[in-house]
């Protein structure tokens, strides 16, 4: 699992002179799930050639109707 470092811990985490594991132990604890956000993003985010912050912005998903879900089968209805 990736480490999620809070802004107040950036200095300790990025300090190349820190050799004492106890100094960074609290950073390696699981991140509080209640503080995480999740939302759908553009498929552009999967393309490493696209370097655009907007690709990580929330998008609205189109919710298909029942007819759209069954579209291939509706072609053969009598």
PDB file of N, CA and C in Angstrom:
ATOM      1  N   UNK A   1       0.850  -1.167   0.000  1.00  0.00           N
ATOM      2  CA  UNK A   1       0.000   0.000   0.000  1.00  0.00           C
ATOM      3  C   UNK A   1       0.905   1.243   0.000  1.00  0.00           C
ATOM      4  N   UNK A   2       0.536   2.258  -0.769  1.00  0.00           N
ATOM      5  CA  UNK A   2       1.359   3.473  -0.788  1.00  0.00           C
ATOM      6  C   UNK A   2       1.267   4.230   0.531  1.00  0.00           C
ATOM      7  N   UNK A   3       2.272   5.009   0.783  1.00  0.00           N
ATOM      8  CA  UNK A   3       2.292   5.853   1.976  1.00  0.00           C
ATOM      9  C   UNK A   3       1.614   7.172   1.636  1.00  0.00           C
ATOM     10  N   UNK A   4       0.682   7.585   2.453  1.00  0.00           N
ATOM     11  CA  UNK A   4       0.036   8.889   2.290  1.00  0.00           C
ATOM     12  C   UNK A   4       0.603   9.780   3.381  1.00  0.00           C
ATOM     13  N   UNK A   5       1.393  10.754   2.964  1.00  0.00           N
ATOM     14  CA  UNK A   5       2.073  11.634   3.908  1.00  0.00           C
ATOM     15  C   UNK A   5       1.278  12.935   4.043  1.00  0.00           C
ATOM     16  N   UNK A   6       0.954  13.297   5.260  1.00  0.00           N
ATOM     17  CA  UNK A   6       0.240  14.549   5.497  1.00  0.00           C
ATOM     18  C   UNK A   6       1.219  15.722   5.376  1.00  0.00           C
ATOM     19  N   UNK A   7       0.727  16.890   5.000  1.00  0.00           N
ATOM     20  CA  UNK A   7       1.624  18.039   4.792  1.00  0.00           C
ATOM     21  C   UNK A   7       2.520  18.365   5.977  1.00  0.00           C
ATOM     22  N   UNK A   8       2.048  18.179   7.189  1.00  0.00           N
ATOM     23  CA  UNK A   8       2.877  18.520   8.343  1.00  0.00           C
ATOM     24  C   UNK A   8       4.043  17.542   8.525  1.00  0.00           C
ATOM     25  N   UNK A   9       4.035  16.410   7.831  1.00  0.00           N
ATOM     26  CA  UNK A   9       5.111  15.416   7.930  1.00  0.00           C
ATOM     27  C   UNK A   9       6.047  15.430   6.718  1.00  0.00           C
ATOM     28  N   UNK A  10       5.798  16.302   5.740  1.00  0.00           N
ATOM     29  CA  UNK A  10       6.630  16.350   4.536  1.00  0.00           C
ATOM     30  C   UNK A  10       8.114  16.510   4.852  1.00  0.00           C
ATOM     31  N   UNK A  11       8.438  17.425   5.743  1.00  0.00           N
ATOM     32  CA  UNK A  11       9.847  17.701   6.036  1.00  0.00           C
ATOM     33  C   UNK A  11      10.580  16.471   6.571  1.00  0.00           C
ATOM     34  N   UNK A  12       9.939  15.748   7.476  1.00  0.00           N
ATOM     35  CA  UNK A  12      10.571  14.551   8.033  1.00  0.00           C
ATOM     36  C   UNK A  12      10.700  13.476   6.955  1.00  0.00           C
ATOM     37  N   UNK A  13       9.645  13.270   6.190  1.00  0.00           N
ATOM     38  CA  UNK A  13       9.624  12.222   5.175  1.00  0.00           C
ATOM     39  C   UNK A  13      10.672  12.469   4.083  1.00  0.00           C
ATOM     40  N   UNK A  14      10.852  13.719   3.701  1.00  0.00           N
ATOM     41  CA  UNK A  14      11.762  14.048   2.604  1.00  0.00           C
ATOM     42  C   UNK A  14      13.185  14.361   3.048  1.00  0.00           C
ATOM     43  N   UNK A  15      13.429  14.377   4.341  1.00  0.00           N
ATOM     44  CA  UNK A  15      14.765  14.690   4.850  1.00  0.00           C
ATOM     45  C   UNK A  15      15.721  13.523   4.583  1.00  0.00           C
ATOM     46  N   UNK A  16      16.734  13.711   3.726  1.00  0.00           N
ATOM     47  CA  UNK A  16      17.645  12.611   3.406  1.00  0.00           C
ATOM     48  C   UNK A  16      18.561  12.235   4.572  1.00  0.00           C
ATOM     49  N   UNK A  17      18.633  13.079   5.587  1.00  0.00           N
ATOM     50  CA  UNK A  17      19.512  12.804   6.719  1.00  0.00           C
ATOM     51  C   UNK A  17      18.840  11.995   7.830  1.00  0.00           C
ATOM     52  N   UNK A  18      17.551  11.718   7.706  1.00  0.00           N
ATOM     53  CA  UNK A  18      16.857  10.943   8.728  1.00  0.00           C
ATOM     54  C   UNK A  18      17.209   9.471   8.544  1.00  0.00           C
ATOM     55  N   UNK A  19      17.867   8.907   9.546  1.00  0.00           N
ATOM     56  CA  UNK A  19      18.256   7.500   9.527  1.00  0.00           C
ATOM     57  C   UNK A  19      17.582   6.695  10.628  1.00  0.00           C
ATOM     58  N   UNK A  20      16.882   7.380  11.501  1.00  0.00           N
ATOM     59  CA  UNK A  20      16.238   6.744  12.645  1.00  0.00           C
ATOM     60  C   UNK A  20      14.807   6.369  12.272  1.00  0.00           C
ATOM     61  N   UNK A  21      14.533   5.066  12.233  1.00  0.00           N
ATOM     62  CA  UNK A  21      13.206   4.604  11.841  1.00  0.00           C
ATOM     63  C   UNK A  21      12.121   5.133  12.770  1.00  0.00           C
ATOM     64  N   UNK A  22      12.413   5.302  14.033  1.00  0.00           N
ATOM     65  CA  UNK A  22      11.395   5.782  14.972  1.00  0.00           C
ATOM     66  C   UNK A  22      10.932   7.197  14.626  1.00  0.00           C
ATOM     67  N   UNK A  23      11.765   7.954  13.918  1.00  0.00           N
ATOM     68  CA  UNK A  23      11.392   9.314  13.524  1.00  0.00           C
ATOM     69  C   UNK A  23      10.302   9.317  12.452  1.00  0.00           C
ATOM     70  N   UNK A  24      10.226   8.236  11.685  1.00  0.00           N
ATOM     71  CA  UNK A  24       9.209   8.196  10.626  1.00  0.00           C
ATOM     72  C   UNK A  24       8.149   7.125  10.865  1.00  0.00           C
ATOM     73  N   UNK A  25       8.231   6.431  11.972  1.00  0.00           N
ATOM     74  CA  UNK A  25       7.287   5.338  12.245  1.00  0.00           C
ATOM     75  C   UNK A  25       5.833   5.794  12.203  1.00  0.00           C
ATOM     76  N   UNK A  26       5.509   6.940  12.769  1.00  0.00           N
ATOM     77  CA  UNK A  26       4.112   7.385  12.784  1.00  0.00           C
ATOM     78  C   UNK A  26       3.615   7.755  11.385  1.00  0.00           C
ATOM     79  N   UNK A  27       4.532   8.042  10.470  1.00  0.00           N
ATOM     80  CA  UNK A  27       4.127   8.355   9.094  1.00  0.00           C
ATOM     81  C   UNK A  27       3.683   7.080   8.377  1.00  0.00           C
ATOM     82  N   UNK A  28       4.204   5.939   8.768  1.00  0.00           N
ATOM     83  CA  UNK A  28       3.925   4.679   8.086  1.00  0.00           C
ATOM     84  C   UNK A  28       2.688   3.961   8.615  1.00  0.00           C
ATOM     85  N   UNK A  29       1.889   4.623   9.414  1.00  0.00           N
ATOM     86  CA  UNK A  29       0.649   4.041   9.908  1.00  0.00           C
ATOM     87  C   UNK A  29      -0.437   4.178   8.845  1.00  0.00           C
ATOM     88  N   UNK A  30      -1.447   3.303   8.867  1.00  0.00           N
ATOM     89  CA  UNK A  30      -2.535   3.413   7.894  1.00  0.00           C
ATOM     90  C   UNK A  30      -3.215   4.775   7.968  1.00  0.00           C
ATOM     91  N   UNK A  31      -3.524   5.299   6.821  1.00  0.00           N
ATOM     92  CA  UNK A  31      -4.198   6.590   6.724  1.00  0.00           C
ATOM     93  C   UNK A  31      -5.664   6.399   7.092  1.00  0.00           C
ATOM     94  N   UNK A  32      -6.226   7.338   7.813  1.00  0.00           N
ATOM     95  CA  UNK A  32      -7.617   7.265   8.249  1.00  0.00           C
ATOM     96  C   UNK A  32      -8.556   7.249   7.040  1.00  0.00           C
ATOM     97  N   UNK A  33      -9.310   6.187   6.891  1.00  0.00           N
ATOM     98  CA  UNK A  33     -10.209   6.038   5.743  1.00  0.00           C
ATOM     99  C   UNK A  33     -11.252   7.149   5.688  1.00  0.00           C
ATOM    100  N   UNK A  34     -11.622   7.709   6.829  1.00  0.00           N
ATOM    101  CA  UNK A  34     -12.617   8.785   6.846  1.00  0.00           C
ATOM    102  C   UNK A  34     -12.081  10.077   6.237  1.00  0.00           C
ATOM    103  N   UNK A  35     -10.765  10.185   6.125  1.00  0.00           N
ATOM    104  CA  UNK A  35     -10.173  11.385   5.543  1.00  0.00           C
ATOM    105  C   UNK A  35      -9.951  11.256   4.035  1.00  0.00           C
ATOM    106  N   UNK A  36     -10.120  10.055   3.524  1.00  0.00           N
ATOM    107  CA  UNK A  36      -9.922   9.822   2.088  1.00  0.00           C
ATOM    108  C   UNK A  36     -11.172  10.231   1.314  1.00  0.00           C
ATOM    109  N   UNK A  37     -10.937  10.613   0.051  1.00  0.00           N
ATOM    110  CA  UNK A  37     -12.054  10.912  -0.846  1.00  0.00           C
ATOM    111  C   UNK A  37     -11.950   9.989  -2.054  1.00  0.00           C
ATOM    112  N   UNK A  38     -13.070   9.675  -2.639  1.00  0.00           N
ATOM    113  CA  UNK A  38     -13.044   8.931  -3.885  1.00  0.00           C
ATOM    114  C   UNK A  38     -14.112   9.494  -4.798  1.00  0.00           C
ATOM    115  N   UNK A  39     -13.783   9.512  -6.069  1.00  0.00           N
ATOM    116  CA  UNK A  39     -14.701  10.030  -7.077  1.00  0.00           C
ATOM    117  C   UNK A  39     -14.245   9.554  -8.441  1.00  0.00           C
ATOM    118  N   UNK A  40     -15.168   9.456  -9.380  1.00  0.00           N
ATOM    119  CA  UNK A  40     -14.777   9.025 -10.723  1.00  0.00           C
ATOM    120  C   UNK A  40     -13.957  10.113 -11.414  1.00  0.00           C
ATOM    121  N   UNK A  41     -12.978   9.687 -12.212  1.00  0.00           N
ATOM    122  CA  UNK A  41     -12.140  10.615 -12.967  1.00  0.00           C
ATOM    123  C   UNK A  41     -12.162  10.224 -14.441  1.00  0.00           C
ATOM    124  N   UNK A  42     -11.654  11.101 -15.263  1.00  0.00           N
ATOM    125  CA  UNK A  42     -11.602  10.863 -16.699  1.00  0.00           C
ATOM    126  C   UNK A  42     -10.690   9.684 -17.022  1.00  0.00           C
ATOM    127  N   UNK A  43     -10.989   8.985 -18.096  1.00  0.00           N
ATOM    128  CA  UNK A  43     -10.120   7.894 -18.546  1.00  0.00           C
ATOM    129  C   UNK A  43      -8.785   8.429 -19.050  1.00  0.00           C
ATOM    130  N   UNK A  44      -8.705   9.728 -19.279  1.00  0.00           N
ATOM    131  CA  UNK A  44      -7.442  10.348 -19.692  1.00  0.00           C
ATOM    132  C   UNK A  44      -6.355  10.117 -18.641  1.00  0.00           C
ATOM    133  N   UNK A  45      -6.760   9.940 -17.403  1.00  0.00           N
ATOM    134  CA  UNK A  45      -5.798   9.745 -16.318  1.00  0.00           C
ATOM    135  C   UNK A  45      -4.966   8.475 -16.523  1.00  0.00           C
ATOM    136  N   UNK A  46      -5.490   7.517 -17.261  1.00  0.00           N
ATOM    137  CA  UNK A  46      -4.768   6.272 -17.533  1.00  0.00           C
ATOM    138  C   UNK A  46      -3.690   6.431 -18.599  1.00  0.00           C
ATOM    139  N   UNK A  47      -3.704   7.549 -19.316  1.00  0.00           N
ATOM    140  CA  UNK A  47      -2.748   7.767 -20.398  1.00  0.00           C
ATOM    141  C   UNK A  47      -1.563   8.564 -19.871  1.00  0.00           C
ATOM    142  N   UNK A  48      -0.393   7.950 -19.812  1.00  0.00           N
ATOM    143  CA  UNK A  48       0.784   8.620 -19.259  1.00  0.00           C
ATOM    144  C   UNK A  48       1.277   9.771 -20.133  1.00  0.00           C
ATOM    145  N   UNK A  49       0.820   9.843 -21.376  1.00  0.00           N
ATOM    146  CA  UNK A  49       1.234  10.923 -22.273  1.00  0.00           C
ATOM    147  C   UNK A  49       0.473  12.219 -22.006  1.00  0.00           C
ATOM    148  N   UNK A  50      -0.636  12.108 -21.307  1.00  0.00           N
ATOM    149  CA  UNK A  50      -1.441  13.292 -20.993  1.00  0.00           C
ATOM    150  C   UNK A  50      -1.013  13.823 -19.638  1.00  0.00           C
ATOM    151  N   UNK A  51      -0.448  15.029 -19.634  1.00  0.00           N
ATOM    152  CA  UNK A  51       0.016  15.658 -18.400  1.00  0.00           C
ATOM    153  C   UNK A  51      -0.884  16.853 -18.127  1.00  0.00           C
ATOM    154  N   UNK A  52      -2.073  16.566 -17.662  1.00  0.00           N
ATOM    155  CA  UNK A  52      -3.076  17.600 -17.454  1.00  0.00           C
ATOM    156  C   UNK A  52      -3.752  17.378 -16.110  1.00  0.00           C
ATOM    157  N   UNK A  53      -3.648  18.344 -15.192  1.00  0.00           N
ATOM    158  CA  UNK A  53      -4.282  18.175 -13.876  1.00  0.00           C
ATOM    159  C   UNK A  53      -5.790  17.966 -13.963  1.00  0.00           C
ATOM    160  N   UNK A  54      -6.400  18.464 -15.025  1.00  0.00           N
ATOM    161  CA  UNK A  54      -7.849  18.296 -15.179  1.00  0.00           C
ATOM    162  C   UNK A  54      -8.243  16.822 -15.315  1.00  0.00           C
ATOM    163  N   UNK A  55      -7.308  15.979 -15.759  1.00  0.00           N
ATOM    164  CA  UNK A  55      -7.608  14.552 -15.911  1.00  0.00           C
ATOM    165  C   UNK A  55      -7.943  13.914 -14.567  1.00  0.00           C
ATOM    166  N   UNK A  56      -7.469  14.482 -13.480  1.00  0.00           N
ATOM    167  CA  UNK A  56      -7.744  13.942 -12.147  1.00  0.00           C
ATOM    168  C   UNK A  56      -8.946  14.612 -11.483  1.00  0.00           C
ATOM    169  N   UNK A  57      -9.592  15.526 -12.187  1.00  0.00           N
ATOM    170  CA  UNK A  57     -10.771  16.202 -11.644  1.00  0.00           C
ATOM    171  C   UNK A  57     -11.974  15.274 -11.675  1.00  0.00           C
ATOM    172  N   UNK A  58     -12.898  15.466 -10.752  1.00  0.00           N
ATOM    173  CA  UNK A  58     -14.104  14.628 -10.753  1.00  0.00           C
ATOM    174  C   UNK A  58     -14.899  14.803 -12.049  1.00  0.00           C
ATOM    175  N   UNK A  59     -15.473  13.715 -12.525  1.00  0.00           N
ATOM    176  CA  UNK A  59     -16.347  13.750 -13.695  1.00  0.00           C
ATOM    177  C   UNK A  59     -17.693  13.154 -13.313  1.00  0.00           C
ATOM    178  N   UNK A  60     -18.692  13.470 -14.094  1.00  0.00           N
ATOM    179  CA  UNK A  60     -20.020  12.907 -13.900  1.00  0.00           C
ATOM    180  C   UNK A  60     -20.146  11.691 -14.793  1.00  0.00           C
ATOM    181  N   UNK A  61     -20.530  10.588 -14.223  1.00  0.00           N
ATOM    182  CA  UNK A  61     -20.711   9.367 -14.996  1.00  0.00           C
ATOM    183  C   UNK A  61     -22.095   9.355 -15.614  1.00  0.00           C
ATOM    184  N   UNK A  62     -22.165   8.904 -16.836  1.00  0.00           N
ATOM    185  CA  UNK A  62     -23.462   8.709 -17.471  1.00  0.00           C
ATOM    186  C   UNK A  62     -24.032   7.399 -16.961  1.00  0.00           C
ATOM    187  N   UNK A  63     -25.198   7.468 -16.385  1.00  0.00           N
ATOM    188  CA  UNK A  63     -25.850   6.261 -15.899  1.00  0.00           C
ATOM    189  C   UNK A  63     -26.712   5.713 -17.024  1.00  0.00           C
ATOM    190  N   UNK A  64     -26.396   4.514 -17.515  1.00  0.00           N
ATOM    191  CA  UNK A  64     -27.162   3.976 -18.637  1.00  0.00           C
ATOM    192  C   UNK A  64     -28.578   3.612 -18.221  1.00  0.00           C
ATOM    193  N   UNK A  65     -29.487   3.790 -19.152  1.00  0.00           N
ATOM    194  CA  UNK A  65     -30.864   3.362 -18.911  1.00  0.00           C
ATOM    195  C   UNK A  65     -30.953   1.876 -19.193  1.00  0.00           C
ATOM    196  N   UNK A  66     -32.053   1.256 -18.821  1.00  0.00           N
ATOM    197  CA  UNK A  66     -32.220  -0.171 -19.059  1.00  0.00           C
ATOM    198  C   UNK A  66     -32.092  -0.490 -20.549  1.00  0.00           C
ATOM    199  N   UNK A  67     -32.650   0.365 -21.395  1.00  0.00           N
ATOM    200  CA  UNK A  67     -32.556   0.143 -22.840  1.00  0.00           C
ATOM    201  C   UNK A  67     -31.115   0.178 -23.340  1.00  0.00           C
ATOM    202  N   UNK A  68     -30.295   1.043 -22.777  1.00  0.00           N
ATOM    203  CA  UNK A  68     -28.900   1.106 -23.189  1.00  0.00           C
ATOM    204  C   UNK A  68     -28.134  -0.126 -22.728  1.00  0.00           C
ATOM    205  N   UNK A  69     -28.503  -0.666 -21.579  1.00  0.00           N
ATOM    206  CA  UNK A  69     -27.828  -1.853 -21.080  1.00  0.00           C
ATOM    207  C   UNK A  69     -28.113  -3.068 -21.964  1.00  0.00           C
ATOM    208  N   UNK A  70     -29.300  -3.111 -22.548  1.00  0.00           N
ATOM    209  CA  UNK A  70     -29.710  -4.251 -23.359  1.00  0.00           C
ATOM    210  C   UNK A  70     -29.609  -3.961 -24.855  1.00  0.00           C
ATOM    211  N   UNK A  71     -28.902  -2.909 -25.231  1.00  0.00           N
ATOM    212  CA  UNK A  71     -28.875  -2.454 -26.609  1.00  0.00           C
ATOM    213  C   UNK A  71     -28.587  -3.540 -27.638  1.00  0.00           C
ATOM    214  N   UNK A  72     -27.564  -4.372 -27.484  1.00  0.00           N
ATOM    215  CA  UNK A  72     -27.315  -5.351 -28.542  1.00  0.00           C
ATOM    216  C   UNK A  72     -28.479  -6.320 -28.730  1.00  0.00           C
ATOM    217  N   UNK A  73     -29.190  -6.593 -27.659  1.00  0.00           N
ATOM    218  CA  UNK A  73     -30.294  -7.558 -27.741  1.00  0.00           C
ATOM    219  C   UNK A  73     -31.552  -6.946 -28.308  1.00  0.00           C
ATOM    220  N   UNK A  74     -31.702  -5.644 -28.220  1.00  0.00           N
ATOM    221  CA  UNK A  74     -32.905  -5.000 -28.727  1.00  0.00           C
ATOM    222  C   UNK A  74     -32.896  -4.923 -30.248  1.00  0.00           C
ATOM    223  N   UNK A  75     -31.760  -5.136 -30.878  1.00  0.00           N
ATOM    224  CA  UNK A  75     -31.694  -5.133 -32.339  1.00  0.00           C
ATOM    225  C   UNK A  75     -32.448  -6.310 -32.939  1.00  0.00           C
ATOM    226  N   UNK A  76     -32.586  -7.394 -32.193  1.00  0.00           N
ATOM    227  CA  UNK A  76     -33.166  -8.619 -32.718  1.00  0.00           C
ATOM    228  C   UNK A  76     -34.588  -8.856 -32.225  1.00  0.00           C
ATOM    229  N   UNK A  77     -35.203  -7.845 -31.677  1.00  0.00           N
ATOM    230  CA  UNK A  77     -36.579  -7.992 -31.200  1.00  0.00           C
ATOM    231  C   UNK A  77     -37.531  -8.050 -32.378  1.00  0.00           C
ATOM    232  N   UNK A  78     -38.595  -8.807 -32.235  1.00  0.00           N
ATOM    233  CA  UNK A  78     -39.622  -8.899 -33.295  1.00  0.00           C
ATOM    234  C   UNK A  78     -40.725  -7.919 -33.050  1.00  0.00           C
TER     235      UNK A  78
END
